[in-house]
Amino acid sequence: MDPLHETAASSAGDEPRLGTSKVNFRKIVIGIDFSGPAVTALNADVSLADQFRSTLFPVHAVPLVLYGPGATPELLESDLSGARAHMDTVISKANIRPIRHHAIVEFAEPTELIERTAQVHGADLVVVGSHGAHGLEKLAFGSVAESVLRRVLCPVLVIGPRCHENLAPIQSIVFATDLEIGAFRPAQFASSIAEEMNARLTLMHVRGPEIEEVETFPEDVDVRLARTLRQLLPPDAELWCQPKVRVEAGNASEEILRVAHSEAASLIVVGVREKSPLADHAPWSTLSQIIRGAECPVLGVRGHLI
């Protein structure tokens, strides 16, 4: 059972509120493709694993599609051995040795191997790097990071292309939500991580500018939306942080990135919904634009467990 899946009823009524369960990333799977973002992701993973005393599962997939029908067993074994040696080098440079870990290098499709490893080992978190592909490149090849986000059940931490090489400790968290069904579980993670890290917490919602065209007093809408945002917090949140609530108007990804920058965010938390099979190929999606533009990691959390 996910320790953060359950919600409690508030004493002021029957509205669901956050539980106060402590976040615990005991087992972390990290996808490694030997690129710059993947190495940055591994460094972030080491920091998290040290904080939570986690076991790490670095995985690297060698796609069989690269080999033609004439590939010999000797060639395949040689390339697999080379990939394993490369993994050992990356692990050594990341100073992962003191942390419990089990590296996995196999012939597989990257998303499939990450998803399978997470399921087999009961991962609490998956960490992946993203190259921030966009335009025709993304339409053609998609994004492994976003495919993982939409297929893996546990939260996924994405290290985008604009993240600093040496990630700062988590001191400021921005949780962005559309306030639709399923907002509670992502909010639980944002709140619990803020408590664990003693970090500042900002909850935000971006409303469309069309509200101003149909509402006589759009500021009243903002008040109602801010109240709804606050209802996502545990009743005792004020005891361990000073949460800030922001309601913005405009383009969702632009406003989320702007607020994250203004709040000096070291983590952005967003909810993830299942979409069409080609959702990870869409360069115009809000999630894609956030990952591509964020200067800090983005944690994607499913609204519901299946």
C-alpha atoms as a PDB file:
ATOM      1  CA  MET A   1       0.000   0.000   0.000  1.00  0.00           C
ATOM      2  CA  ASP A   2       1.266   3.460  -0.910  1.00  0.00           C
ATOM      3  CA  PRO A   3       1.926   5.208   2.444  1.00  0.00           C
ATOM      4  CA  LEU A   4       0.664   8.474   0.978  1.00  0.00           C
ATOM      5  CA  HIS A   5      -2.393   7.103  -0.816  1.00  0.00           C
ATOM      6  CA  GLU A   6      -4.946   7.490   1.945  1.00  0.00           C
ATOM      7  CA  THR A   7      -6.586  10.798   2.877  1.00  0.00           C
ATOM      8  CA  ALA A   8      -8.191  11.755   6.148  1.00  0.00           C
ATOM      9  CA  ALA A   9     -11.388  13.682   6.819  1.00  0.00           C
ATOM     10  CA  SER A  10     -10.956  17.113   8.321  1.00  0.00           C
ATOM     11  CA  SER A  11     -12.399  17.860  11.719  1.00  0.00           C
ATOM     12  CA  ALA A  12     -14.256  20.820  10.213  1.00  0.00           C
ATOM     13  CA  GLY A  13     -16.360  18.648   7.908  1.00  0.00           C
ATOM     14  CA  ASP A  14     -16.263  15.822   5.450  1.00  0.00           C
ATOM     15  CA  GLU A  15     -13.855  17.432   2.978  1.00  0.00           C
ATOM     16  CA  PRO A  16     -10.908  15.127   2.310  1.00  0.00           C
ATOM     17  CA  ARG A  17      -7.581  16.348   3.603  1.00  0.00           C
ATOM     18  CA  LEU A  18      -4.028  15.171   3.354  1.00  0.00           C
ATOM     19  CA  GLY A  19      -2.759  12.446   5.589  1.00  0.00           C
ATOM     20  CA  THR A  20       0.485  13.199   7.374  1.00  0.00           C
ATOM     21  CA  SER A  21       2.293  10.004   6.406  1.00  0.00           C
ATOM     22  CA  LYS A  22       6.022  10.459   6.052  1.00  0.00           C
ATOM     23  CA  VAL A  23       7.467  10.154   2.558  1.00  0.00           C
ATOM     24  CA  ASN A  24       9.915   7.270   2.238  1.00  0.00           C
ATOM     25  CA  PHE A  25      11.824   6.530  -0.953  1.00  0.00           C
ATOM     26  CA  ARG A  26      13.217   3.147   0.058  1.00  0.00           C
ATOM     27  CA  LYS A  27      13.841   1.785  -3.444  1.00  0.00           C
ATOM     28  CA  ILE A  28      14.794   4.061  -6.322  1.00  0.00           C
ATOM     29  CA  VAL A  29      15.131   3.025  -9.969  1.00  0.00           C
ATOM     30  CA  ILE A  30      17.156   5.312 -12.235  1.00  0.00           C
ATOM     31  CA  GLY A  31      17.365   5.108 -16.009  1.00  0.00           C
ATOM     32  CA  ILE A  32      20.884   5.591 -17.361  1.00  0.00           C
ATOM     33  CA  ASP A  33      21.586   6.196 -21.062  1.00  0.00           C
ATOM     34  CA  PHE A  34      25.110   7.580 -20.394  1.00  0.00           C
ATOM     35  CA  SER A  35      24.089  11.107 -21.503  1.00  0.00           C
ATOM     36  CA  GLY A  36      24.686  14.345 -19.613  1.00  0.00           C
ATOM     37  CA  PRO A  37      21.129  14.589 -18.212  1.00  0.00           C
ATOM     38  CA  ALA A  38      21.324  10.943 -17.088  1.00  0.00           C
ATOM     39  CA  VAL A  39      24.569  11.578 -15.193  1.00  0.00           C
ATOM     40  CA  THR A  40      22.998  14.640 -13.544  1.00  0.00           C
ATOM     41  CA  ALA A  41      20.005  12.466 -12.648  1.00  0.00           C
ATOM     42  CA  LEU A  42      22.308   9.862 -11.110  1.00  0.00           C
ATOM     43  CA  ASN A  43      24.005  12.512  -8.968  1.00  0.00           C
ATOM     44  CA  ALA A  44      20.590  13.674  -7.757  1.00  0.00           C
ATOM     45  CA  ASP A  45      19.662  10.061  -7.098  1.00  0.00           C
ATOM     46  CA  VAL A  46      22.735   9.530  -4.941  1.00  0.00           C
ATOM     47  CA  SER A  47      21.805  12.564  -2.851  1.00  0.00           C
ATOM     48  CA  LEU A  48      18.239  11.310  -2.349  1.00  0.00           C
ATOM     49  CA  ALA A  49      19.405   7.783  -1.579  1.00  0.00           C
ATOM     50  CA  ASP A  50      21.767   9.097   1.068  1.00  0.00           C
ATOM     51  CA  GLN A  51      18.970  11.138   2.661  1.00  0.00           C
ATOM     52  CA  PHE A  52      16.429   8.297   2.671  1.00  0.00           C
ATOM     53  CA  ARG A  53      18.890   5.387   3.043  1.00  0.00           C
ATOM     54  CA  SER A  54      17.535   3.950  -0.160  1.00  0.00           C
ATOM     55  CA  THR A  55      18.567   1.048  -2.341  1.00  0.00           C
ATOM     56  CA  LEU A  56      19.363   2.166  -5.897  1.00  0.00           C
ATOM     57  CA  PHE A  57      18.673   0.269  -9.103  1.00  0.00           C
ATOM     58  CA  PRO A  58      20.569   1.932 -11.986  1.00  0.00           C
ATOM     59  CA  VAL A  59      19.285   0.440 -15.260  1.00  0.00           C
ATOM     60  CA  HIS A  60      20.563   0.721 -18.813  1.00  0.00           C
ATOM     61  CA  ALA A  61      18.703  -0.697 -21.804  1.00  0.00           C
ATOM     62  CA  VAL A  62      20.583  -1.788 -24.919  1.00  0.00           C
ATOM     63  CA  PRO A  63      17.954  -1.727 -27.704  1.00  0.00           C
ATOM     64  CA  LEU A  64      18.008  -4.836 -29.877  1.00  0.00           C
ATOM     65  CA  VAL A  65      16.568  -2.771 -32.719  1.00  0.00           C
ATOM     66  CA  LEU A  66      20.104  -1.449 -33.309  1.00  0.00           C
ATOM     67  CA  TYR A  67      21.173  -4.882 -34.520  1.00  0.00           C
ATOM     68  CA  GLY A  68      20.260  -6.415 -37.846  1.00  0.00           C
ATOM     69  CA  PRO A  69      19.296 -10.036 -38.422  1.00  0.00           C
ATOM     70  CA  GLY A  70      22.950 -10.902 -39.025  1.00  0.00           C
ATOM     71  CA  ALA A  71      24.086 -10.024 -35.497  1.00  0.00           C
ATOM     72  CA  THR A  72      26.089 -12.883 -33.996  1.00  0.00           C
ATOM     73  CA  PRO A  73      25.852 -14.022 -30.358  1.00  0.00           C
ATOM     74  CA  GLU A  74      29.483 -13.002 -29.947  1.00  0.00           C
ATOM     75  CA  LEU A  75      28.736  -9.444 -31.096  1.00  0.00           C
ATOM     76  CA  LEU A  76      25.717  -9.175 -28.820  1.00  0.00           C
ATOM     77  CA  GLU A  77      27.631 -10.452 -25.798  1.00  0.00           C
ATOM     78  CA  SER A  78      30.547  -8.131 -26.547  1.00  0.00           C
ATOM     79  CA  ASP A  79      28.278  -5.079 -26.720  1.00  0.00           C
ATOM     80  CA  LEU A  80      26.433  -6.096 -23.563  1.00  0.00           C
ATOM     81  CA  SER A  81      29.763  -6.486 -21.731  1.00  0.00           C
ATOM     82  CA  GLY A  82      30.834  -3.067 -23.004  1.00  0.00           C
ATOM     83  CA  ALA A  83      27.620  -1.480 -21.731  1.00  0.00           C
ATOM     84  CA  ARG A  84      28.115  -3.103 -18.327  1.00  0.00           C
ATOM     85  CA  ALA A  85      31.674  -1.785 -18.150  1.00  0.00           C
ATOM     86  CA  HIS A  86      30.417   1.686 -19.071  1.00  0.00           C
ATOM     87  CA  MET A  87      27.810   1.429 -16.309  1.00  0.00           C
ATOM     88  CA  ASP A  88      30.521   0.503 -13.801  1.00  0.00           C
ATOM     89  CA  THR A  89      32.518   3.589 -14.820  1.00  0.00           C
ATOM     90  CA  VAL A  90      29.509   5.895 -14.459  1.00  0.00           C
ATOM     91  CA  ILE A  91      28.690   4.416 -11.053  1.00  0.00           C
ATOM     92  CA  SER A  92      32.271   4.868  -9.855  1.00  0.00           C
ATOM     93  CA  LYS A  93      32.350   8.523 -10.906  1.00  0.00           C
ATOM     94  CA  ALA A  94      29.033   9.203  -9.163  1.00  0.00           C
ATOM     95  CA  ASN A  95      30.383   7.949  -5.824  1.00  0.00           C
ATOM     96  CA  ILE A  96      27.526   5.481  -5.574  1.00  0.00           C
ATOM     97  CA  ARG A  97      29.653   2.677  -4.127  1.00  0.00           C
ATOM     98  CA  PRO A  98      28.866   3.374  -0.420  1.00  0.00           C
ATOM     99  CA  ILE A  99      25.109   3.186  -1.195  1.00  0.00           C
ATOM    100  CA  ARG A 100      23.277  -0.110  -1.560  1.00  0.00           C
ATOM    101  CA  HIS A 101      22.753  -0.629  -5.259  1.00  0.00           C
ATOM    102  CA  HIS A 102      22.144  -3.227  -7.932  1.00  0.00           C
ATOM    103  CA  ALA A 103      22.935  -2.267 -11.530  1.00  0.00           C
ATOM    104  CA  ILE A 104      20.882  -3.810 -14.349  1.00  0.00           C
ATOM    105  CA  VAL A 105      22.035  -3.824 -17.989  1.00  0.00           C
ATOM    106  CA  GLU A 106      19.918  -5.767 -20.475  1.00  0.00           C
ATOM    107  CA  PHE A 107      18.779  -5.877 -24.075  1.00  0.00           C
ATOM    108  CA  ALA A 108      15.391  -4.130 -23.878  1.00  0.00           C
ATOM    109  CA  GLU A 109      13.372  -1.072 -24.808  1.00  0.00           C
ATOM    110  CA  PRO A 110      14.263   1.659 -22.240  1.00  0.00           C
ATOM    111  CA  THR A 111      10.762   2.433 -20.964  1.00  0.00           C
ATOM    112  CA  GLU A 112       9.883  -1.256 -20.746  1.00  0.00           C
ATOM    113  CA  LEU A 113      13.017  -2.079 -18.715  1.00  0.00           C
ATOM    114  CA  ILE A 114      12.479   0.831 -16.318  1.00  0.00           C
ATOM    115  CA  GLU A 115       8.806  -0.057 -15.847  1.00  0.00           C
ATOM    116  CA  ARG A 116       9.555  -3.765 -15.318  1.00  0.00           C
ATOM    117  CA  THR A 117      12.379  -3.062 -12.842  1.00  0.00           C
ATOM    118  CA  ALA A 118      10.134  -0.698 -10.874  1.00  0.00           C
ATOM    119  CA  GLN A 119       7.395  -3.338 -10.692  1.00  0.00           C
ATOM    120  CA  VAL A 120       9.662  -6.275  -9.800  1.00  0.00           C
ATOM    121  CA  HIS A 121      11.475  -4.426  -7.024  1.00  0.00           C
ATOM    122  CA  GLY A 122       8.518  -2.391  -5.734  1.00  0.00           C
ATOM    123  CA  ALA A 123      10.130   0.966  -6.440  1.00  0.00           C
ATOM    124  CA  ASP A 124       8.966   4.025  -4.510  1.00  0.00           C
ATOM    125  CA  LEU A 125      10.549   6.426  -7.020  1.00  0.00           C
ATOM    126  CA  VAL A 126      11.914   6.410 -10.569  1.00  0.00           C
ATOM    127  CA  VAL A 127      14.502   8.983 -11.663  1.00  0.00           C
ATOM    128  CA  VAL A 128      15.174   9.787 -15.327  1.00  0.00           C
ATOM    129  CA  GLY A 129      17.032  12.442 -17.277  1.00  0.00           C
ATOM    130  CA  SER A 130      15.412  14.263 -20.195  1.00  0.00           C
ATOM    131  CA  HIS A 131      17.106  15.750 -23.262  1.00  0.00           C
ATOM    132  CA  GLY A 132      14.172  18.100 -23.774  1.00  0.00           C
ATOM    133  CA  ALA A 133      13.504  16.969 -27.346  1.00  0.00           C
ATOM    134  CA  HIS A 134      10.967  19.120 -29.152  1.00  0.00           C
ATOM    135  CA  GLY A 135       9.502  19.827 -32.552  1.00  0.00           C
ATOM    136  CA  LEU A 136       9.915  17.216 -35.289  1.00  0.00           C
ATOM    137  CA  GLU A 137      12.501  15.295 -33.254  1.00  0.00           C
ATOM    138  CA  LYS A 138      10.012  14.647 -30.475  1.00  0.00           C
ATOM    139  CA  LEU A 139       7.165  13.902 -32.866  1.00  0.00           C
ATOM    140  CA  ALA A 140       9.333  11.228 -34.480  1.00  0.00           C
ATOM    141  CA  PHE A 141      11.038   9.641 -31.480  1.00  0.00           C
ATOM    142  CA  GLY A 142       9.009  10.678 -28.463  1.00  0.00           C
ATOM    143  CA  SER A 143      10.424  11.117 -24.977  1.00  0.00           C
ATOM    144  CA  VAL A 144      11.532   8.199 -22.815  1.00  0.00           C
ATOM    145  CA  ALA A 145      11.205  10.395 -19.713  1.00  0.00           C
ATOM    146  CA  GLU A 146       7.589  11.314 -20.436  1.00  0.00           C
ATOM    147  CA  SER A 147       6.743   7.775 -21.511  1.00  0.00           C
ATOM    148  CA  VAL A 148       8.023   6.588 -18.123  1.00  0.00           C
ATOM    149  CA  LEU A 149       5.973   9.291 -16.398  1.00  0.00           C
ATOM    150  CA  ARG A 150       2.772   8.006 -17.967  1.00  0.00           C
ATOM    151  CA  ARG A 151       3.427   4.287 -17.543  1.00  0.00           C
ATOM    152  CA  VAL A 152       5.117   3.855 -14.153  1.00  0.00           C
ATOM    153  CA  LEU A 153       2.789   3.835 -11.143  1.00  0.00           C
ATOM    154  CA  CYS A 154       5.194   5.336  -8.604  1.00  0.00           C
ATOM    155  CA  PRO A 155       6.304   8.995  -8.686  1.00  0.00           C
ATOM    156  CA  VAL A 156       8.869   9.891 -11.362  1.00  0.00           C
ATOM    157  CA  LEU A 157      11.563  12.541 -10.892  1.00  0.00           C
ATOM    158  CA  VAL A 158      12.643  14.076 -14.212  1.00  0.00           C
ATOM    159  CA  ILE A 159      15.921  15.958 -14.555  1.00  0.00           C
ATOM    160  CA  GLY A 160      15.441  18.257 -17.550  1.00  0.00           C
ATOM    161  CA  PRO A 161      18.052  19.783 -19.859  1.00  0.00           C
ATOM    162  CA  ARG A 162      18.130  23.155 -18.053  1.00  0.00           C
ATOM    163  CA  CYS A 163      18.746  21.694 -14.592  1.00  0.00           C
ATOM    164  CA  HIS A 164      22.061  22.652 -13.056  1.00  0.00           C
ATOM    165  CA  GLU A 165      24.705  19.936 -13.068  1.00  0.00           C
ATOM    166  CA  ASN A 166      25.034  20.110  -9.283  1.00  0.00           C
ATOM    167  CA  LEU A 167      21.467  20.119  -8.006  1.00  0.00           C
ATOM    168  CA  ALA A 168      20.773  22.211  -4.926  1.00  0.00           C
ATOM    169  CA  PRO A 169      19.206  20.712  -1.777  1.00  0.00           C
ATOM    170  CA  ILE A 170      15.406  20.865  -1.778  1.00  0.00           C
ATOM    171  CA  GLN A 171      14.595  24.136   0.001  1.00  0.00           C
ATOM    172  CA  SER A 172      11.640  25.424  -2.014  1.00  0.00           C
ATOM    173  CA  ILE A 173       8.855  23.340  -3.588  1.00  0.00           C
ATOM    174  CA  VAL A 174       6.237  24.535  -6.071  1.00  0.00           C
ATOM    175  CA  PHE A 175       3.192  22.288  -6.432  1.00  0.00           C
ATOM    176  CA  ALA A 176       1.176  23.120  -9.546  1.00  0.00           C
ATOM    177  CA  THR A 177      -2.291  21.625  -9.969  1.00  0.00           C
ATOM    178  CA  ASP A 178      -5.291  21.926 -12.261  1.00  0.00           C
ATOM    179  CA  LEU A 179      -7.534  21.158  -9.239  1.00  0.00           C
ATOM    180  CA  GLU A 180      -9.244  18.310 -11.050  1.00  0.00           C
ATOM    181  CA  ILE A 181      -9.995  14.893  -9.528  1.00  0.00           C
ATOM    182  CA  GLY A 182      -6.754  13.244  -8.530  1.00  0.00           C
ATOM    183  CA  ALA A 183      -5.065  16.357  -7.121  1.00  0.00           C
ATOM    184  CA  PHE A 184      -4.816  14.986  -3.582  1.00  0.00           C
ATOM    185  CA  ARG A 185      -2.127  12.358  -4.071  1.00  0.00           C
ATOM    186  CA  PRO A 186       0.361  14.742  -5.828  1.00  0.00           C
ATOM    187  CA  ALA A 187      -0.379  17.316  -3.122  1.00  0.00           C
ATOM    188  CA  GLN A 188       0.373  14.719  -0.461  1.00  0.00           C
ATOM    189  CA  PHE A 189       3.812  14.107  -1.887  1.00  0.00           C
ATOM    190  CA  ALA A 190       4.572  17.820  -2.212  1.00  0.00           C
ATOM    191  CA  SER A 191       3.486  18.442   1.367  1.00  0.00           C
ATOM    192  CA  SER A 192       5.287  15.435   2.822  1.00  0.00           C
ATOM    193  CA  ILE A 193       8.550  16.202   1.012  1.00  0.00           C
ATOM    194  CA  ALA A 194       8.343  19.818   2.203  1.00  0.00           C
ATOM    195  CA  GLU A 195       7.954  18.569   5.766  1.00  0.00           C
ATOM    196  CA  GLU A 196      10.773  16.024   5.435  1.00  0.00           C
ATOM    197  CA  MET A 197      13.165  18.562   3.874  1.00  0.00           C
ATOM    198  CA  ASN A 198      12.000  21.523   5.975  1.00  0.00           C
ATOM    199  CA  ALA A 199      11.355  23.320   2.687  1.00  0.00           C
ATOM    200  CA  ARG A 200       9.111  26.217   1.697  1.00  0.00           C
ATOM    201  CA  LEU A 201       5.931  25.147  -0.068  1.00  0.00           C
ATOM    202  CA  THR A 202       4.004  27.068  -2.734  1.00  0.00           C
ATOM    203  CA  LEU A 203       0.702  25.747  -4.072  1.00  0.00           C
ATOM    204  CA  MET A 204      -0.406  27.233  -7.368  1.00  0.00           C
ATOM    205  CA  HIS A 205      -3.150  26.993  -9.958  1.00  0.00           C
ATOM    206  CA  VAL A 206      -3.235  28.666 -13.366  1.00  0.00           C
ATOM    207  CA  ARG A 207      -6.698  29.654 -14.534  1.00  0.00           C
ATOM    208  CA  GLY A 208      -7.421  30.475 -18.132  1.00  0.00           C
ATOM    209  CA  PRO A 209      -7.796  34.167 -19.031  1.00  0.00           C
ATOM    210  CA  GLU A 210     -11.256  33.375 -20.421  1.00  0.00           C
ATOM    211  CA  ILE A 211     -12.639  33.517 -16.857  1.00  0.00           C
ATOM    212  CA  GLU A 212     -12.278  37.285 -16.926  1.00  0.00           C
ATOM    213  CA  GLU A 213     -14.588  37.372 -19.929  1.00  0.00           C
ATOM    214  CA  VAL A 214     -17.446  35.512 -18.242  1.00  0.00           C
ATOM    215  CA  GLU A 215     -17.067  36.578 -14.622  1.00  0.00           C
ATOM    216  CA  THR A 216     -18.109  40.036 -13.448  1.00  0.00           C
ATOM    217  CA  PHE A 217     -15.653  39.832 -10.563  1.00  0.00           C
ATOM    218  CA  PRO A 218     -12.785  37.481 -11.548  1.00  0.00           C
ATOM    219  CA  GLU A 219     -11.016  38.323  -8.280  1.00  0.00           C
ATOM    220  CA  ASP A 220     -13.816  36.424  -6.484  1.00  0.00           C
ATOM    221  CA  VAL A 221     -12.937  33.384  -8.594  1.00  0.00           C
ATOM    222  CA  ASP A 222      -9.329  33.716  -7.478  1.00  0.00           C
ATOM    223  CA  VAL A 223     -10.423  33.747  -3.831  1.00  0.00           C
ATOM    224  CA  ARG A 224     -12.434  30.567  -4.324  1.00  0.00           C
ATOM    225  CA  LEU A 225      -9.585  28.876  -6.169  1.00  0.00           C
ATOM    226  CA  ALA A 226      -7.113  29.857  -3.446  1.00  0.00           C
ATOM    227  CA  ARG A 227      -9.434  28.389  -0.825  1.00  0.00           C
ATOM    228  CA  THR A 228      -9.618  25.139  -2.796  1.00  0.00           C
ATOM    229  CA  LEU A 229      -5.830  25.031  -2.986  1.00  0.00           C
ATOM    230  CA  ARG A 230      -5.537  25.436   0.776  1.00  0.00           C
ATOM    231  CA  GLN A 231      -7.929  22.525   1.271  1.00  0.00           C
ATOM    232  CA  LEU A 232      -5.261  20.266  -0.228  1.00  0.00           C
ATOM    233  CA  LEU A 233      -3.019  20.898   2.786  1.00  0.00           C
ATOM    234  CA  PRO A 234      -3.033  18.885   6.009  1.00  0.00           C
ATOM    235  CA  PRO A 235      -4.691  20.681   8.922  1.00  0.00           C
ATOM    236  CA  ASP A 236      -1.367  20.954  10.762  1.00  0.00           C
ATOM    237  CA  ALA A 237       0.678  22.260   7.806  1.00  0.00           C
ATOM    238  CA  GLU A 238       1.207  25.629   9.479  1.00  0.00           C
ATOM    239  CA  LEU A 239       3.138  23.866  12.248  1.00  0.00           C
ATOM    240  CA  TRP A 240       6.027  22.853   9.993  1.00  0.00           C
ATOM    241  CA  CYS A 241       5.940  25.269   7.068  1.00  0.00           C
ATOM    242  CA  GLN A 242       4.441  28.545   5.917  1.00  0.00           C
ATOM    243  CA  PRO A 243       2.627  27.481   2.745  1.00  0.00           C
ATOM    244  CA  LYS A 244       2.034  30.094   0.088  1.00  0.00           C
ATOM    245  CA  VAL A 245      -0.938  29.975  -2.270  1.00  0.00           C
ATOM    246  CA  ARG A 246      -0.842  31.566  -5.709  1.00  0.00           C
ATOM    247  CA  VAL A 247      -3.556  31.768  -8.366  1.00  0.00           C
ATOM    248  CA  GLU A 248      -2.253  32.986 -11.708  1.00  0.00           C
ATOM    249  CA  ALA A 249      -3.844  33.628 -15.104  1.00  0.00           C
ATOM    250  CA  GLY A 250      -2.378  32.845 -18.497  1.00  0.00           C
ATOM    251  CA  ASN A 251      -0.515  30.035 -20.198  1.00  0.00           C
ATOM    252  CA  ALA A 252      -0.091  27.155 -17.743  1.00  0.00           C
ATOM    253  CA  SER A 253       3.487  26.127 -18.519  1.00  0.00           C
ATOM    254  CA  GLU A 254       4.736  29.712 -18.766  1.00  0.00           C
ATOM    255  CA  GLU A 255       3.166  30.696 -15.454  1.00  0.00           C
ATOM    256  CA  ILE A 256       4.399  27.577 -13.652  1.00  0.00           C
ATOM    257  CA  LEU A 257       7.956  28.190 -14.850  1.00  0.00           C
ATOM    258  CA  ARG A 258       7.722  31.890 -13.932  1.00  0.00           C
ATOM    259  CA  VAL A 259       6.494  31.136 -10.408  1.00  0.00           C
ATOM    260  CA  ALA A 260       9.092  28.387  -9.969  1.00  0.00           C
ATOM    261  CA  HIS A 261      11.803  30.886 -10.890  1.00  0.00           C
ATOM    262  CA  SER A 262      10.420  33.626  -8.632  1.00  0.00           C
ATOM    263  CA  GLU A 263      10.177  31.196  -5.708  1.00  0.00           C
ATOM    264  CA  ALA A 264      13.704  29.860  -6.373  1.00  0.00           C
ATOM    265  CA  ALA A 265      12.159  26.393  -6.568  1.00  0.00           C
ATOM    266  CA  SER A 266      14.422  23.397  -6.163  1.00  0.00           C
ATOM    267  CA  LEU A 267      11.548  21.030  -7.019  1.00  0.00           C
ATOM    268  CA  ILE A 268       8.342  21.298  -9.058  1.00  0.00           C
ATOM    269  CA  VAL A 269       5.591  18.772  -8.304  1.00  0.00           C
ATOM    270  CA  VAL A 270       2.818  18.118 -10.819  1.00  0.00           C
ATOM    271  CA  GLY A 271       0.048  15.565 -11.222  1.00  0.00           C
ATOM    272  CA  VAL A 272       0.205  13.101 -14.116  1.00  0.00           C
ATOM    273  CA  ARG A 273      -2.840  11.744 -15.886  1.00  0.00           C
ATOM    274  CA  GLU A 274      -2.930   8.873 -18.352  1.00  0.00           C
ATOM    275  CA  LYS A 275      -3.350  10.127 -21.883  1.00  0.00           C
ATOM    276  CA  SER A 276      -3.317   8.679 -25.374  1.00  0.00           C
ATOM    277  CA  PRO A 277      -0.476   6.326 -26.418  1.00  0.00           C
ATOM    278  CA  LEU A 278       1.176   9.200 -28.312  1.00  0.00           C
ATOM    279  CA  ALA A 279       1.009  11.722 -25.453  1.00  0.00           C
ATOM    280  CA  ASP A 280       4.775  11.474 -24.875  1.00  0.00           C
ATOM    281  CA  HIS A 281       5.315  12.525 -28.527  1.00  0.00           C
ATOM    282  CA  ALA A 282       3.478  15.851 -28.171  1.00  0.00           C
ATOM    283  CA  PRO A 283       6.007  18.743 -28.018  1.00  0.00           C
ATOM    284  CA  TRP A 284       3.231  21.218 -27.180  1.00  0.00           C
ATOM    285  CA  SER A 285       1.980  19.528 -23.988  1.00  0.00           C
ATOM    286  CA  THR A 286       2.124  21.484 -20.734  1.00  0.00           C
ATOM    287  CA  LEU A 287       4.160  18.760 -19.050  1.00  0.00           C
ATOM    288  CA  SER A 288       6.663  18.666 -21.899  1.00  0.00           C
ATOM    289  CA  GLN A 289       7.152  22.429 -21.782  1.00  0.00           C
ATOM    290  CA  ILE A 290       7.624  22.405 -18.008  1.00  0.00           C
ATOM    291  CA  ILE A 291      10.271  19.676 -18.194  1.00  0.00           C
ATOM    292  CA  ARG A 292      12.048  21.446 -21.046  1.00  0.00           C
ATOM    293  CA  GLY A 293      12.099  24.832 -19.324  1.00  0.00           C
ATOM    294  CA  ALA A 294      12.492  24.003 -15.623  1.00  0.00           C
ATOM    295  CA  GLU A 295      15.726  24.922 -13.891  1.00  0.00           C
ATOM    296  CA  CYS A 296      15.044  22.286 -11.220  1.00  0.00           C
ATOM    297  CA  PRO A 297      13.794  18.674 -11.213  1.00  0.00           C
ATOM    298  CA  VAL A 298      10.118  17.950 -11.897  1.00  0.00           C
ATOM    299  CA  LEU A 299       8.344  15.290  -9.836  1.00  0.00           C
ATOM    300  CA  GLY A 300       5.377  13.749 -11.604  1.00  0.00           C
ATOM    301  CA  VAL A 301       2.845  11.943  -9.408  1.00  0.00           C
ATOM    302  CA  ARG A 302      -0.157   9.964 -10.620  1.00  0.00           C
ATOM    303  CA  GLY A 303      -3.463  11.160  -9.203  1.00  0.00           C
ATOM    304  CA  HIS A 304      -4.665   7.599  -8.621  1.00  0.00           C
ATOM    305  CA  LEU A 305      -3.100   4.190  -8.193  1.00  0.00           C
ATOM    306  CA  ILE A 306      -4.429   1.372 -10.349  1.00  0.00           C
END
